[in-house]
Amino acid sequence: MTDAFAPTVHLALGAVNMTAEHPADLAAFWAQVIGGRVAGTAGESVFVAAGDGGFAMFFRPRTHPRPVDQDTHLDLTAAWGTRGDEVARLVALGATWRWEVLDEVPWVAWTTLADPEGNLFCVAEHPPADD
């Protein structure tokens, strides 16, 4: 059944924008995380182009104190059975392991990490669908 009032949507994630104490350093870290590449700068701001099938990121200088609480974060998805390897790769790049949630809900397990500036993000994996 279709909704006669539902609009046709033509949107995709273009880029994630973040403020940083050191935009170039954080951009270099995230380029490795997402398989992208640093593709341009404008002053202290740095653009990271998306890797295959991924998303781009844009880093600009922080102009205000870092918030105490982080309301929004990235959830990255690893292929089933590869989360541990991905977490190890990201920690080797400079991320910090924070905690794991393995059995809170049946459809996902995840590890929460922090990037080199303390921004939280998760690496999740979803079990294969039962056929």
C-alpha atoms as a PDB file:
ATOM      1  CA  MET A   1       0.000   0.000   0.000  1.00  0.00           C
ATOM      2  CA  THR A   2       1.392   3.428  -0.901  1.00  0.00           C
ATOM      3  CA  ASP A   3       0.699   6.694   0.811  1.00  0.00           C
ATOM      4  CA  ALA A   4      -0.742   9.195  -1.669  1.00  0.00           C
ATOM      5  CA  PHE A   5       0.724  12.038   0.379  1.00  0.00           C
ATOM      6  CA  ALA A   6       4.250  10.610   0.719  1.00  0.00           C
ATOM      7  CA  PRO A   7       6.734  12.747  -1.224  1.00  0.00           C
ATOM      8  CA  THR A   8       9.323  11.288  -3.537  1.00  0.00           C
ATOM      9  CA  VAL A   9      12.653  11.729  -1.791  1.00  0.00           C
ATOM     10  CA  HIS A  10      15.860  12.331  -3.687  1.00  0.00           C
ATOM     11  CA  LEU A  11      18.304  12.779  -0.813  1.00  0.00           C
ATOM     12  CA  ALA A  12      21.494  11.005   0.199  1.00  0.00           C
ATOM     13  CA  LEU A  13      24.066  11.720   2.873  1.00  0.00           C
ATOM     14  CA  GLY A  14      26.514  14.152   1.315  1.00  0.00           C
ATOM     15  CA  ALA A  15      28.939  14.787   4.158  1.00  0.00           C
ATOM     16  CA  VAL A  16      29.225  14.711   7.909  1.00  0.00           C
ATOM     17  CA  ASN A  17      30.428  18.047   9.288  1.00  0.00           C
ATOM     18  CA  MET A  18      32.483  18.224  12.480  1.00  0.00           C
ATOM     19  CA  THR A  19      34.298  20.880  14.438  1.00  0.00           C
ATOM     20  CA  ALA A  20      37.802  20.008  15.624  1.00  0.00           C
ATOM     21  CA  GLU A  21      40.633  21.400  17.708  1.00  0.00           C
ATOM     22  CA  HIS A  22      43.004  20.244  14.956  1.00  0.00           C
ATOM     23  CA  PRO A  23      40.964  19.837  11.745  1.00  0.00           C
ATOM     24  CA  ALA A  24      43.825  18.536   9.568  1.00  0.00           C
ATOM     25  CA  ASP A  25      44.816  15.842  12.068  1.00  0.00           C
ATOM     26  CA  LEU A  26      41.236  14.721  12.662  1.00  0.00           C
ATOM     27  CA  ALA A  27      40.544  14.714   8.919  1.00  0.00           C
ATOM     28  CA  ALA A  28      43.562  12.473   8.342  1.00  0.00           C
ATOM     29  CA  PHE A  29      42.304  10.024  10.995  1.00  0.00           C
ATOM     30  CA  TRP A  30      38.753   9.913   9.615  1.00  0.00           C
ATOM     31  CA  ALA A  31      39.972   9.567   6.004  1.00  0.00           C
ATOM     32  CA  GLN A  32      41.618   6.296   7.061  1.00  0.00           C
ATOM     33  CA  VAL A  33      38.531   5.210   9.009  1.00  0.00           C
ATOM     34  CA  ILE A  34      36.119   5.650   6.090  1.00  0.00           C
ATOM     35  CA  GLY A  35      38.492   4.764   3.253  1.00  0.00           C
ATOM     36  CA  GLY A  36      38.345   8.297   1.883  1.00  0.00           C
ATOM     37  CA  ARG A  37      41.047  10.824   1.155  1.00  0.00           C
ATOM     38  CA  VAL A  38      41.828  14.382   2.136  1.00  0.00           C
ATOM     39  CA  ALA A  39      40.690  16.193  -0.989  1.00  0.00           C
ATOM     40  CA  GLY A  40      40.926  19.880  -0.199  1.00  0.00           C
ATOM     41  CA  THR A  41      41.443  22.631   2.305  1.00  0.00           C
ATOM     42  CA  ALA A  42      40.092  26.130   2.762  1.00  0.00           C
ATOM     43  CA  GLY A  43      42.043  27.939   5.431  1.00  0.00           C
ATOM     44  CA  GLU A  44      42.000  25.569   8.411  1.00  0.00           C
ATOM     45  CA  SER A  45      38.966  23.640   7.131  1.00  0.00           C
ATOM     46  CA  VAL A  46      39.549  20.241   5.536  1.00  0.00           C
ATOM     47  CA  PHE A  47      37.357  18.193   3.196  1.00  0.00           C
ATOM     48  CA  VAL A  48      37.605  14.388   3.108  1.00  0.00           C
ATOM     49  CA  ALA A  49      36.186  12.826  -0.062  1.00  0.00           C
ATOM     50  CA  ALA A  50      34.166   9.641   0.309  1.00  0.00           C
ATOM     51  CA  GLY A  51      35.616   6.234  -0.362  1.00  0.00           C
ATOM     52  CA  ASP A  52      33.705   3.721  -2.493  1.00  0.00           C
ATOM     53  CA  GLY A  53      30.091   3.604  -1.314  1.00  0.00           C
ATOM     54  CA  GLY A  54      30.836   5.783   1.717  1.00  0.00           C
ATOM     55  CA  PHE A  55      30.271   9.359   2.739  1.00  0.00           C
ATOM     56  CA  ALA A  56      32.377  12.512   2.772  1.00  0.00           C
ATOM     57  CA  MET A  57      33.371  14.522   5.844  1.00  0.00           C
ATOM     58  CA  PHE A  58      34.173  18.170   6.446  1.00  0.00           C
ATOM     59  CA  PHE A  59      36.224  19.424   9.399  1.00  0.00           C
ATOM     60  CA  ARG A  60      36.330  23.033  10.528  1.00  0.00           C
ATOM     61  CA  PRO A  61      37.994  24.692  13.504  1.00  0.00           C
ATOM     62  CA  ARG A  62      36.120  24.583  16.806  1.00  0.00           C
ATOM     63  CA  THR A  63      35.105  28.126  17.785  1.00  0.00           C
ATOM     64  CA  HIS A  64      33.439  27.254  21.089  1.00  0.00           C
ATOM     65  CA  PRO A  65      34.208  25.015  24.048  1.00  0.00           C
ATOM     66  CA  ARG A  66      33.725  21.306  23.487  1.00  0.00           C
ATOM     67  CA  PRO A  67      30.255  20.237  24.699  1.00  0.00           C
ATOM     68  CA  VAL A  68      30.191  18.082  27.820  1.00  0.00           C
ATOM     69  CA  ASP A  69      27.603  15.705  26.316  1.00  0.00           C
ATOM     70  CA  GLN A  70      27.613  14.402  22.767  1.00  0.00           C
ATOM     71  CA  ASP A  71      24.039  14.120  21.524  1.00  0.00           C
ATOM     72  CA  THR A  72      24.849  12.899  18.013  1.00  0.00           C
ATOM     73  CA  HIS A  73      27.376  10.338  16.869  1.00  0.00           C
ATOM     74  CA  LEU A  74      28.175   8.141  13.875  1.00  0.00           C
ATOM     75  CA  ASP A  75      27.133   4.490  13.759  1.00  0.00           C
ATOM     76  CA  LEU A  76      29.335   2.663  11.274  1.00  0.00           C
ATOM     77  CA  THR A  77      28.391  -0.851  10.174  1.00  0.00           C
ATOM     78  CA  ALA A  78      30.876  -3.661   9.669  1.00  0.00           C
ATOM     79  CA  ALA A  79      30.086  -6.874   7.815  1.00  0.00           C
ATOM     80  CA  TRP A  80      28.922  -9.689  10.088  1.00  0.00           C
ATOM     81  CA  GLY A  81      31.895 -11.282  11.821  1.00  0.00           C
ATOM     82  CA  THR A  82      34.324  -8.422  11.084  1.00  0.00           C
ATOM     83  CA  ARG A  83      33.516  -5.956  13.890  1.00  0.00           C
ATOM     84  CA  GLY A  84      36.401  -7.146  16.080  1.00  0.00           C
ATOM     85  CA  ASP A  85      38.913  -6.761  13.259  1.00  0.00           C
ATOM     86  CA  GLU A  86      37.556  -3.322  12.360  1.00  0.00           C
ATOM     87  CA  VAL A  87      37.709  -2.186  15.993  1.00  0.00           C
ATOM     88  CA  ALA A  88      41.331  -3.383  16.223  1.00  0.00           C
ATOM     89  CA  ARG A  89      42.155  -1.491  12.992  1.00  0.00           C
ATOM     90  CA  LEU A  90      40.557   1.710  14.289  1.00  0.00           C
ATOM     91  CA  VAL A  91      42.308   1.488  17.659  1.00  0.00           C
ATOM     92  CA  ALA A  92      45.621   1.044  15.789  1.00  0.00           C
ATOM     93  CA  LEU A  93      44.787   4.248  13.859  1.00  0.00           C
ATOM     94  CA  GLY A  94      44.306   6.192  17.104  1.00  0.00           C
ATOM     95  CA  ALA A  95      40.741   5.541  18.278  1.00  0.00           C
ATOM     96  CA  THR A  96      40.110   4.723  21.935  1.00  0.00           C
ATOM     97  CA  TRP A  97      37.960   1.722  22.942  1.00  0.00           C
ATOM     98  CA  ARG A  98      35.160   2.836  25.298  1.00  0.00           C
ATOM     99  CA  TRP A  99      32.647  -0.038  25.711  1.00  0.00           C
ATOM    100  CA  GLU A 100      30.778  -2.869  23.998  1.00  0.00           C
ATOM    101  CA  VAL A 101      27.080  -3.669  23.843  1.00  0.00           C
ATOM    102  CA  LEU A 102      26.729  -7.244  22.692  1.00  0.00           C
ATOM    103  CA  ASP A 103      23.326  -8.420  23.895  1.00  0.00           C
ATOM    104  CA  GLU A 104      21.084  -5.420  24.578  1.00  0.00           C
ATOM    105  CA  VAL A 105      19.033  -6.041  21.448  1.00  0.00           C
ATOM    106  CA  PRO A 106      19.013  -9.121  19.177  1.00  0.00           C
ATOM    107  CA  TRP A 107      19.456  -7.310  15.859  1.00  0.00           C
ATOM    108  CA  VAL A 108      22.765  -5.528  16.544  1.00  0.00           C
ATOM    109  CA  ALA A 109      25.957  -5.669  18.600  1.00  0.00           C
ATOM    110  CA  TRP A 110      28.309  -2.704  18.749  1.00  0.00           C
ATOM    111  CA  THR A 111      31.523  -1.289  20.115  1.00  0.00           C
ATOM    112  CA  THR A 112      31.728   2.361  21.099  1.00  0.00           C
ATOM    113  CA  LEU A 113      35.004   4.131  20.369  1.00  0.00           C
ATOM    114  CA  ALA A 114      36.269   7.709  20.602  1.00  0.00           C
ATOM    115  CA  ASP A 115      38.260   9.404  17.866  1.00  0.00           C
ATOM    116  CA  PRO A 116      41.544  11.183  18.764  1.00  0.00           C
ATOM    117  CA  GLU A 117      39.627  14.293  19.896  1.00  0.00           C
ATOM    118  CA  GLY A 118      37.135  12.326  22.003  1.00  0.00           C
ATOM    119  CA  ASN A 119      34.153  12.240  19.614  1.00  0.00           C
ATOM    120  CA  LEU A 120      32.229   9.030  20.211  1.00  0.00           C
ATOM    121  CA  PHE A 121      31.293   6.698  17.355  1.00  0.00           C
ATOM    122  CA  CYS A 122      30.121   3.111  17.125  1.00  0.00           C
ATOM    123  CA  VAL A 123      31.061   0.122  15.018  1.00  0.00           C
ATOM    124  CA  ALA A 124      28.088  -2.190  14.719  1.00  0.00           C
ATOM    125  CA  GLU A 125      27.365  -5.532  13.125  1.00  0.00           C
ATOM    126  CA  HIS A 126      23.988  -7.056  12.392  1.00  0.00           C
ATOM    127  CA  PRO A 127      23.502 -10.825  12.379  1.00  0.00           C
ATOM    128  CA  PRO A 128      22.502 -12.390   9.066  1.00  0.00           C
ATOM    129  CA  ALA A 129      18.763 -12.706   8.519  1.00  0.00           C
ATOM    130  CA  ASP A 130      17.272 -16.126   9.197  1.00  0.00           C
ATOM    131  CA  ASP A 131      15.939 -17.647   6.014  1.00  0.00           C
END
